[in-house]
Amino acid sequence: MTHVCRSFRNERAVSPVVGVMLMLVVVIIIAAVVSGFAGGMIGTGNQKAPTLMMDVKIVNMGSWAGSGFFASVTAVSEPIPTKDLKIVTSWTTTDKAWTTNRPIITGGNTTLPGVMNIDVLGNPDPSISSGFYVAPFGGGPGINGSATVGSLDTNTQFSGRWQQFGNYTLMPGTTLSAQPCGAASLDSIGGSWADGKPSANYGYGVERKFIYRTASGTPYLDPISAVLGPKWESLVMGDTVNVKVIHIPTGKVIFQQDIPVTEA
């Protein structure tokens, strides 16, 4: 009887341990299954983002002539359609519209592919009175060869074909450009000049250096202000602009750099 009693007591002592071990095994199995399922779900949408390298320049000459946002693609891991990209700019400076006690202002903008961001553009094609314009414009390699002037192409006054953001593809040698329009003639870069001076009393650098006004005095969005945001003309040498390029399908930043503003 004593032997039987000891055997019974031992079984009772081992039973809780076995139960705990079984529970741990079940928990581990469930955790592994959940982890594998979650990993599978993440893996299906984990698209690899391309890489991008660019040489970017932001120039403010104090007038529309020579000023602009310029970028040249130096390297990519693969051709990148701009329909898959958005450009985000941000900056901080002082408001040059004030002669003293200039307030601090912040600016920037987000450029989305195929979303019109320009209120006015300097005569991209004399035969077309209206169009659909998205800056920055692209030129060089990566331009859609089937584009037609007025719907996809812009600025035929420049040599070669220039296309709107969202229609061209980034590859080595592709250039991006967003330049201010002269307020007098709405011609991009230069405007109307007479005797070495602008012919109208308004526009970049005409009313007062670094101040942009239209004929009515109301600011509008031309290509460069569409990319850098309103009051971009307050940016001068010594300021910097943070430029980010985001790959929309993955949500990843594939280019980011603080670009110093230059005057040449």
C-alpha atoms as a PDB file:
ATOM      1  CA  MET A   1       0.000   0.000   0.000  1.00  0.00           C
ATOM      2  CA  THR A   2       2.846   2.326   0.855  1.00  0.00           C
ATOM      3  CA  HIS A   3       4.352   1.772  -2.604  1.00  0.00           C
ATOM      4  CA  VAL A   4       1.053   2.554  -4.268  1.00  0.00           C
ATOM      5  CA  CYS A   5       0.613   5.744  -2.263  1.00  0.00           C
ATOM      6  CA  ARG A   6       4.086   7.036  -3.228  1.00  0.00           C
ATOM      7  CA  SER A   7       3.390   6.388  -6.899  1.00  0.00           C
ATOM      8  CA  PHE A   8       0.153   8.364  -6.674  1.00  0.00           C
ATOM      9  CA  ARG A   9       1.843  11.301  -4.983  1.00  0.00           C
ATOM     10  CA  ASN A  10       4.580  11.420  -7.680  1.00  0.00           C
ATOM     11  CA  GLU A  11       2.006  11.512 -10.466  1.00  0.00           C
ATOM     12  CA  ARG A  12       0.248  14.430  -8.798  1.00  0.00           C
ATOM     13  CA  ALA A  13       3.565  16.322  -8.491  1.00  0.00           C
ATOM     14  CA  VAL A  14       4.490  15.842 -12.161  1.00  0.00           C
ATOM     15  CA  SER A  15       1.068  16.693 -13.561  1.00  0.00           C
ATOM     16  CA  PRO A  16       1.244  20.525 -13.105  1.00  0.00           C
ATOM     17  CA  VAL A  17       4.697  20.637 -14.706  1.00  0.00           C
ATOM     18  CA  VAL A  18       3.481  18.725 -17.742  1.00  0.00           C
ATOM     19  CA  GLY A  19       0.503  21.053 -18.030  1.00  0.00           C
ATOM     20  CA  VAL A  20       2.671  24.165 -17.967  1.00  0.00           C
ATOM     21  CA  MET A  21       4.982  22.686 -20.585  1.00  0.00           C
ATOM     22  CA  LEU A  22       2.071  21.850 -22.853  1.00  0.00           C
ATOM     23  CA  MET A  23       0.728  25.392 -22.513  1.00  0.00           C
ATOM     24  CA  LEU A  24       4.146  26.831 -23.400  1.00  0.00           C
ATOM     25  CA  VAL A  25       4.356  24.600 -26.457  1.00  0.00           C
ATOM     26  CA  VAL A  26       0.903  25.711 -27.604  1.00  0.00           C
ATOM     27  CA  VAL A  27       1.761  29.385 -27.093  1.00  0.00           C
ATOM     28  CA  ILE A  28       5.012  29.000 -29.033  1.00  0.00           C
ATOM     29  CA  ILE A  29       3.221  27.272 -31.909  1.00  0.00           C
ATOM     30  CA  ILE A  30       0.533  29.973 -32.050  1.00  0.00           C
ATOM     31  CA  ALA A  31       3.171  32.725 -31.954  1.00  0.00           C
ATOM     32  CA  ALA A  32       5.084  31.064 -34.794  1.00  0.00           C
ATOM     33  CA  VAL A  33       1.941  30.741 -36.909  1.00  0.00           C
ATOM     34  CA  VAL A  34       0.921  34.379 -36.306  1.00  0.00           C
ATOM     35  CA  SER A  35       4.451  35.600 -37.006  1.00  0.00           C
ATOM     36  CA  GLY A  36       4.653  33.646 -40.219  1.00  0.00           C
ATOM     37  CA  PHE A  37       1.269  34.907 -41.358  1.00  0.00           C
ATOM     38  CA  ALA A  38       2.147  38.514 -40.573  1.00  0.00           C
ATOM     39  CA  GLY A  39       5.509  38.157 -42.248  1.00  0.00           C
ATOM     40  CA  GLY A  40       3.850  36.797 -45.337  1.00  0.00           C
ATOM     41  CA  MET A  41       1.439  39.699 -45.461  1.00  0.00           C
ATOM     42  CA  ILE A  42       4.246  42.240 -45.089  1.00  0.00           C
ATOM     43  CA  GLY A  43       6.389  40.486 -47.640  1.00  0.00           C
ATOM     44  CA  THR A  44       3.741  40.672 -50.356  1.00  0.00           C
ATOM     45  CA  GLY A  45       3.709  44.483 -50.203  1.00  0.00           C
ATOM     46  CA  ASN A  46       7.368  45.086 -49.426  1.00  0.00           C
ATOM     47  CA  GLN A  47       8.381  46.419 -52.822  1.00  0.00           C
ATOM     48  CA  LYS A  48      12.005  47.429 -53.125  1.00  0.00           C
ATOM     49  CA  ALA A  49      12.500  51.148 -53.702  1.00  0.00           C
ATOM     50  CA  PRO A  50      14.862  52.315 -56.477  1.00  0.00           C
ATOM     51  CA  THR A  51      17.869  54.493 -55.733  1.00  0.00           C
ATOM     52  CA  LEU A  52      18.385  57.978 -57.119  1.00  0.00           C
ATOM     53  CA  MET A  53      21.276  60.431 -57.229  1.00  0.00           C
ATOM     54  CA  MET A  54      20.902  63.989 -58.537  1.00  0.00           C
ATOM     55  CA  ASP A  55      22.865  67.205 -58.806  1.00  0.00           C
ATOM     56  CA  VAL A  56      20.419  69.919 -57.678  1.00  0.00           C
ATOM     57  CA  LYS A  57      20.822  73.698 -57.930  1.00  0.00           C
ATOM     58  CA  ILE A  58      18.512  76.456 -56.688  1.00  0.00           C
ATOM     59  CA  VAL A  59      19.356  79.870 -58.097  1.00  0.00           C
ATOM     60  CA  ASN A  60      17.871  83.268 -57.227  1.00  0.00           C
ATOM     61  CA  MET A  61      19.379  86.128 -59.191  1.00  0.00           C
ATOM     62  CA  GLY A  62      16.956  88.667 -57.715  1.00  0.00           C
ATOM     63  CA  SER A  63      15.017  88.681 -60.995  1.00  0.00           C
ATOM     64  CA  TRP A  64      13.445  86.058 -63.217  1.00  0.00           C
ATOM     65  CA  ALA A  65      16.437  85.987 -65.583  1.00  0.00           C
ATOM     66  CA  GLY A  66      18.702  83.069 -64.695  1.00  0.00           C
ATOM     67  CA  SER A  67      16.762  81.996 -61.595  1.00  0.00           C
ATOM     68  CA  GLY A  68      15.216  78.593 -61.086  1.00  0.00           C
ATOM     69  CA  PHE A  69      15.193  75.061 -59.707  1.00  0.00           C
ATOM     70  CA  PHE A  70      17.471  72.798 -61.722  1.00  0.00           C
ATOM     71  CA  ALA A  71      18.298  69.115 -61.235  1.00  0.00           C
ATOM     72  CA  SER A  72      20.286  66.625 -63.250  1.00  0.00           C
ATOM     73  CA  VAL A  73      20.021  62.881 -62.664  1.00  0.00           C
ATOM     74  CA  THR A  74      23.477  61.370 -62.245  1.00  0.00           C
ATOM     75  CA  ALA A  75      22.585  57.766 -61.336  1.00  0.00           C
ATOM     76  CA  VAL A  76      19.598  55.462 -60.786  1.00  0.00           C
ATOM     77  CA  SER A  77      19.348  51.783 -59.929  1.00  0.00           C
ATOM     78  CA  GLU A  78      16.690  51.496 -62.639  1.00  0.00           C
ATOM     79  CA  PRO A  79      14.656  53.928 -64.752  1.00  0.00           C
ATOM     80  CA  ILE A  80      12.131  55.638 -62.446  1.00  0.00           C
ATOM     81  CA  PRO A  81       8.827  56.904 -63.914  1.00  0.00           C
ATOM     82  CA  THR A  82       7.969  60.272 -62.416  1.00  0.00           C
ATOM     83  CA  LYS A  83       4.365  59.067 -62.129  1.00  0.00           C
ATOM     84  CA  ASP A  84       5.696  57.067 -59.154  1.00  0.00           C
ATOM     85  CA  LEU A  85       7.377  60.040 -57.460  1.00  0.00           C
ATOM     86  CA  LYS A  86       6.544  63.133 -55.463  1.00  0.00           C
ATOM     87  CA  ILE A  87       8.871  66.022 -54.638  1.00  0.00           C
ATOM     88  CA  VAL A  88       8.713  67.743 -51.247  1.00  0.00           C
ATOM     89  CA  THR A  89      10.571  70.986 -50.535  1.00  0.00           C
ATOM     90  CA  SER A  90      10.847  72.960 -47.286  1.00  0.00           C
ATOM     91  CA  TRP A  91      12.816  76.015 -46.153  1.00  0.00           C
ATOM     92  CA  THR A  92      13.035  78.844 -43.617  1.00  0.00           C
ATOM     93  CA  THR A  93      14.226  82.400 -44.186  1.00  0.00           C
ATOM     94  CA  THR A  94      13.153  86.024 -43.587  1.00  0.00           C
ATOM     95  CA  ASP A  95      10.528  87.912 -45.558  1.00  0.00           C
ATOM     96  CA  LYS A  96      12.324  90.284 -47.949  1.00  0.00           C
ATOM     97  CA  ALA A  97       9.125  92.281 -48.484  1.00  0.00           C
ATOM     98  CA  TRP A  98       9.965  94.009 -45.191  1.00  0.00           C
ATOM     99  CA  THR A  99      12.804  96.531 -45.142  1.00  0.00           C
ATOM    100  CA  THR A 100      13.341  96.251 -41.357  1.00  0.00           C
ATOM    101  CA  ASN A 101      12.409  93.752 -38.643  1.00  0.00           C
ATOM    102  CA  ARG A 102      11.889  91.082 -41.250  1.00  0.00           C
ATOM    103  CA  PRO A 103       9.672  88.279 -39.935  1.00  0.00           C
ATOM    104  CA  ILE A 104      10.749  84.664 -40.240  1.00  0.00           C
ATOM    105  CA  ILE A 105       8.830  82.762 -42.877  1.00  0.00           C
ATOM    106  CA  THR A 106       8.720  79.088 -43.770  1.00  0.00           C
ATOM    107  CA  GLY A 107       7.858  77.702 -47.148  1.00  0.00           C
ATOM    108  CA  GLY A 108       7.972  74.809 -49.525  1.00  0.00           C
ATOM    109  CA  ASN A 109       5.586  72.696 -51.519  1.00  0.00           C
ATOM    110  CA  THR A 110       4.671  69.147 -52.511  1.00  0.00           C
ATOM    111  CA  THR A 111       4.688  68.261 -56.196  1.00  0.00           C
ATOM    112  CA  LEU A 112       2.491  65.327 -57.201  1.00  0.00           C
ATOM    113  CA  PRO A 113       2.671  63.622 -60.612  1.00  0.00           C
ATOM    114  CA  GLY A 114      -0.018  64.703 -63.024  1.00  0.00           C
ATOM    115  CA  VAL A 115      -1.530  67.239 -60.610  1.00  0.00           C
ATOM    116  CA  MET A 116      -1.561  70.745 -62.110  1.00  0.00           C
ATOM    117  CA  ASN A 117       0.452  73.122 -59.929  1.00  0.00           C
ATOM    118  CA  ILE A 118       0.868  76.195 -62.156  1.00  0.00           C
ATOM    119  CA  ASP A 119      -1.477  79.167 -62.502  1.00  0.00           C
ATOM    120  CA  VAL A 120       0.497  80.801 -65.309  1.00  0.00           C
ATOM    121  CA  LEU A 121       3.198  79.708 -67.715  1.00  0.00           C
ATOM    122  CA  GLY A 122       5.109  81.690 -70.295  1.00  0.00           C
ATOM    123  CA  ASN A 123       3.648  80.807 -73.662  1.00  0.00           C
ATOM    124  CA  PRO A 124       4.658  77.130 -74.071  1.00  0.00           C
ATOM    125  CA  ASP A 125       3.262  77.095 -77.583  1.00  0.00           C
ATOM    126  CA  PRO A 126       1.966  80.166 -79.446  1.00  0.00           C
ATOM    127  CA  SER A 127      -0.649  78.052 -81.234  1.00  0.00           C
ATOM    128  CA  ILE A 128      -2.171  76.800 -77.969  1.00  0.00           C
ATOM    129  CA  SER A 129      -3.988  79.188 -75.649  1.00  0.00           C
ATOM    130  CA  SER A 130      -4.405  76.847 -72.701  1.00  0.00           C
ATOM    131  CA  GLY A 131      -2.854  73.674 -71.366  1.00  0.00           C
ATOM    132  CA  PHE A 132      -2.278  71.371 -68.443  1.00  0.00           C
ATOM    133  CA  TYR A 133       0.967  72.181 -66.704  1.00  0.00           C
ATOM    134  CA  VAL A 134       2.887  70.322 -64.020  1.00  0.00           C
ATOM    135  CA  ALA A 135       6.380  71.445 -62.952  1.00  0.00           C
ATOM    136  CA  PRO A 136       9.210  70.584 -62.783  1.00  0.00           C
ATOM    137  CA  PHE A 137       9.533  69.934 -66.487  1.00  0.00           C
ATOM    138  CA  GLY A 138      11.756  67.143 -67.753  1.00  0.00           C
ATOM    139  CA  GLY A 139      14.165  67.092 -70.650  1.00  0.00           C
ATOM    140  CA  GLY A 140      16.767  64.816 -72.216  1.00  0.00           C
ATOM    141  CA  PRO A 141      16.764  61.034 -71.758  1.00  0.00           C
ATOM    142  CA  GLY A 142      13.557  59.562 -70.395  1.00  0.00           C
ATOM    143  CA  ILE A 143      11.197  61.792 -72.358  1.00  0.00           C
ATOM    144  CA  ASN A 144       8.086  60.080 -73.708  1.00  0.00           C
ATOM    145  CA  GLY A 145       8.603  60.047 -77.465  1.00  0.00           C
ATOM    146  CA  SER A 146       4.888  59.768 -78.191  1.00  0.00           C
ATOM    147  CA  ALA A 147       4.033  63.034 -76.402  1.00  0.00           C
ATOM    148  CA  THR A 148       2.315  65.796 -78.296  1.00  0.00           C
ATOM    149  CA  VAL A 149       2.815  69.514 -77.811  1.00  0.00           C
ATOM    150  CA  GLY A 150       0.124  71.057 -75.636  1.00  0.00           C
ATOM    151  CA  SER A 151      -0.944  67.905 -73.826  1.00  0.00           C
ATOM    152  CA  LEU A 152       2.314  66.468 -72.546  1.00  0.00           C
ATOM    153  CA  ASP A 153       5.097  68.680 -73.872  1.00  0.00           C
ATOM    154  CA  THR A 154       5.860  72.205 -72.710  1.00  0.00           C
ATOM    155  CA  ASN A 155       8.072  75.151 -73.548  1.00  0.00           C
ATOM    156  CA  THR A 156       8.823  74.599 -77.199  1.00  0.00           C
ATOM    157  CA  GLN A 157      10.908  77.775 -77.052  1.00  0.00           C
ATOM    158  CA  PHE A 158      13.646  75.597 -75.568  1.00  0.00           C
ATOM    159  CA  SER A 159      15.604  73.243 -77.769  1.00  0.00           C
ATOM    160  CA  GLY A 160      14.374  69.671 -77.628  1.00  0.00           C
ATOM    161  CA  ARG A 161      11.265  68.360 -75.931  1.00  0.00           C
ATOM    162  CA  TRP A 162      10.224  69.221 -72.379  1.00  0.00           C
ATOM    163  CA  GLN A 163       7.579  67.232 -70.563  1.00  0.00           C
ATOM    164  CA  GLN A 164       5.512  67.647 -67.447  1.00  0.00           C
ATOM    165  CA  PHE A 165       6.184  65.927 -64.147  1.00  0.00           C
ATOM    166  CA  GLY A 166       4.461  62.562 -64.201  1.00  0.00           C
ATOM    167  CA  ASN A 167       4.985  61.960 -67.923  1.00  0.00           C
ATOM    168  CA  TYR A 168       8.741  61.416 -68.148  1.00  0.00           C
ATOM    169  CA  THR A 169      11.140  58.898 -66.618  1.00  0.00           C
ATOM    170  CA  LEU A 170      14.280  59.582 -64.594  1.00  0.00           C
ATOM    171  CA  MET A 171      17.487  58.079 -65.916  1.00  0.00           C
ATOM    172  CA  PRO A 172      21.086  59.301 -66.098  1.00  0.00           C
ATOM    173  CA  GLY A 173      21.109  62.583 -67.987  1.00  0.00           C
ATOM    174  CA  THR A 174      17.469  63.491 -67.393  1.00  0.00           C
ATOM    175  CA  THR A 175      17.113  67.148 -66.385  1.00  0.00           C
ATOM    176  CA  LEU A 176      14.376  68.752 -64.278  1.00  0.00           C
ATOM    177  CA  SER A 177      13.665  72.452 -64.525  1.00  0.00           C
ATOM    178  CA  ALA A 178      11.274  74.930 -62.897  1.00  0.00           C
ATOM    179  CA  GLN A 179      11.950  78.546 -63.820  1.00  0.00           C
ATOM    180  CA  PRO A 180      10.158  81.809 -62.981  1.00  0.00           C
ATOM    181  CA  CYS A 181       8.089  83.628 -65.581  1.00  0.00           C
ATOM    182  CA  GLY A 182       8.696  87.280 -66.368  1.00  0.00           C
ATOM    183  CA  ALA A 183       5.560  89.067 -65.233  1.00  0.00           C
ATOM    184  CA  ALA A 184       5.580  91.508 -68.130  1.00  0.00           C
ATOM    185  CA  SER A 185       5.351  89.118 -71.070  1.00  0.00           C
ATOM    186  CA  LEU A 186       4.887  85.790 -69.210  1.00  0.00           C
ATOM    187  CA  ASP A 187       7.944  84.560 -71.087  1.00  0.00           C
ATOM    188  CA  SER A 188       9.955  82.090 -69.066  1.00  0.00           C
ATOM    189  CA  ILE A 189      13.480  83.437 -68.465  1.00  0.00           C
ATOM    190  CA  GLY A 190      14.042  86.936 -69.689  1.00  0.00           C
ATOM    191  CA  GLY A 191      10.729  88.606 -70.253  1.00  0.00           C
ATOM    192  CA  SER A 192      10.557  91.689 -72.458  1.00  0.00           C
ATOM    193  CA  TRP A 193      13.610  93.950 -72.298  1.00  0.00           C
ATOM    194  CA  ALA A 194      14.313  97.392 -73.716  1.00  0.00           C
ATOM    195  CA  ASP A 195      17.566  99.360 -73.381  1.00  0.00           C
ATOM    196  CA  GLY A 196      18.937  96.638 -71.122  1.00  0.00           C
ATOM    197  CA  LYS A 197      16.029  96.900 -68.671  1.00  0.00           C
ATOM    198  CA  PRO A 198      12.692  95.101 -68.258  1.00  0.00           C
ATOM    199  CA  SER A 199       9.954  96.904 -70.158  1.00  0.00           C
ATOM    200  CA  ALA A 200       7.320  96.692 -67.408  1.00  0.00           C
ATOM    201  CA  ASN A 201       7.202  97.912 -63.818  1.00  0.00           C
ATOM    202  CA  TYR A 202       6.349  94.627 -62.181  1.00  0.00           C
ATOM    203  CA  GLY A 203       7.798  91.143 -61.914  1.00  0.00           C
ATOM    204  CA  TYR A 204      10.806  89.516 -60.294  1.00  0.00           C
ATOM    205  CA  GLY A 205      13.368  92.167 -59.555  1.00  0.00           C
ATOM    206  CA  VAL A 206      11.463  94.924 -61.320  1.00  0.00           C
ATOM    207  CA  GLU A 207       9.330  96.455 -58.585  1.00  0.00           C
ATOM    208  CA  ARG A 208      12.016  95.674 -56.027  1.00  0.00           C
ATOM    209  CA  LYS A 209      14.746  93.057 -55.949  1.00  0.00           C
ATOM    210  CA  PHE A 210      13.518  89.671 -54.682  1.00  0.00           C
ATOM    211  CA  ILE A 211       9.886  90.818 -54.644  1.00  0.00           C
ATOM    212  CA  TYR A 212       7.442  89.223 -57.078  1.00  0.00           C
ATOM    213  CA  ARG A 213       4.238  90.972 -58.132  1.00  0.00           C
ATOM    214  CA  THR A 214       1.858  90.518 -61.021  1.00  0.00           C
ATOM    215  CA  ALA A 215       0.233  93.387 -62.848  1.00  0.00           C
ATOM    216  CA  SER A 216      -2.627  93.282 -60.348  1.00  0.00           C
ATOM    217  CA  GLY A 217      -0.277  92.914 -57.391  1.00  0.00           C
ATOM    218  CA  THR A 218      -1.565  89.423 -56.602  1.00  0.00           C
ATOM    219  CA  PRO A 219       1.050  86.646 -56.431  1.00  0.00           C
ATOM    220  CA  TYR A 220       0.507  83.600 -58.603  1.00  0.00           C
ATOM    221  CA  LEU A 221       2.117  80.203 -59.092  1.00  0.00           C
ATOM    222  CA  ASP A 222       4.602  79.920 -61.927  1.00  0.00           C
ATOM    223  CA  PRO A 223       6.842  76.838 -62.335  1.00  0.00           C
ATOM    224  CA  ILE A 224       9.398  77.721 -59.661  1.00  0.00           C
ATOM    225  CA  SER A 225       6.852  78.831 -57.069  1.00  0.00           C
ATOM    226  CA  ALA A 226       4.942  75.613 -57.778  1.00  0.00           C
ATOM    227  CA  VAL A 227       8.016  73.597 -56.792  1.00  0.00           C
ATOM    228  CA  LEU A 228       9.455  75.783 -54.006  1.00  0.00           C
ATOM    229  CA  GLY A 229       6.230  77.382 -52.800  1.00  0.00           C
ATOM    230  CA  PRO A 230       5.041  81.001 -52.616  1.00  0.00           C
ATOM    231  CA  LYS A 231       7.554  83.635 -51.502  1.00  0.00           C
ATOM    232  CA  TRP A 232      10.420  81.495 -52.778  1.00  0.00           C
ATOM    233  CA  GLU A 233      11.983  84.763 -53.981  1.00  0.00           C
ATOM    234  CA  SER A 234      12.854  85.543 -50.347  1.00  0.00           C
ATOM    235  CA  LEU A 235      15.509  82.820 -50.547  1.00  0.00           C
ATOM    236  CA  VAL A 236      18.989  84.266 -50.949  1.00  0.00           C
ATOM    237  CA  MET A 237      22.563  83.075 -50.743  1.00  0.00           C
ATOM    238  CA  GLY A 238      23.124  81.523 -47.324  1.00  0.00           C
ATOM    239  CA  ASP A 239      19.660  79.942 -47.215  1.00  0.00           C
ATOM    240  CA  THR A 240      19.111  76.246 -47.826  1.00  0.00           C
ATOM    241  CA  VAL A 241      16.192  74.265 -49.198  1.00  0.00           C
ATOM    242  CA  ASN A 242      15.527  70.692 -48.134  1.00  0.00           C
ATOM    243  CA  VAL A 243      14.613  68.656 -51.211  1.00  0.00           C
ATOM    244  CA  LYS A 244      13.101  65.185 -50.872  1.00  0.00           C
ATOM    245  CA  VAL A 245      12.021  62.755 -53.570  1.00  0.00           C
ATOM    246  CA  ILE A 246       9.618  60.093 -52.321  1.00  0.00           C
ATOM    247  CA  HIS A 247       8.877  56.827 -54.130  1.00  0.00           C
ATOM    248  CA  ILE A 248       5.083  56.634 -53.881  1.00  0.00           C
ATOM    249  CA  PRO A 249       4.605  52.833 -54.234  1.00  0.00           C
ATOM    250  CA  THR A 250       6.937  52.125 -51.285  1.00  0.00           C
ATOM    251  CA  GLY A 251       6.615  55.402 -49.393  1.00  0.00           C
ATOM    252  CA  LYS A 252      10.406  55.560 -49.099  1.00  0.00           C
ATOM    253  CA  VAL A 253      12.577  58.663 -49.466  1.00  0.00           C
ATOM    254  CA  ILE A 254      15.005  57.920 -52.303  1.00  0.00           C
ATOM    255  CA  PHE A 255      16.673  61.344 -52.373  1.00  0.00           C
ATOM    256  CA  GLN A 256      17.096  63.969 -49.668  1.00  0.00           C
ATOM    257  CA  GLN A 257      19.538  66.844 -49.499  1.00  0.00           C
ATOM    258  CA  ASP A 258      19.834  70.391 -48.138  1.00  0.00           C
ATOM    259  CA  ILE A 259      20.517  72.519 -51.214  1.00  0.00           C
ATOM    260  CA  PRO A 260      22.274  75.880 -50.731  1.00  0.00           C
ATOM    261  CA  VAL A 261      20.738  78.784 -52.605  1.00  0.00           C
ATOM    262  CA  THR A 262      23.118  80.473 -55.031  1.00  0.00           C
ATOM    263  CA  GLU A 263      23.014  83.676 -57.058  1.00  0.00           C
ATOM    264  CA  ALA A 264      24.690  82.295 -60.166  1.00  0.00           C
END
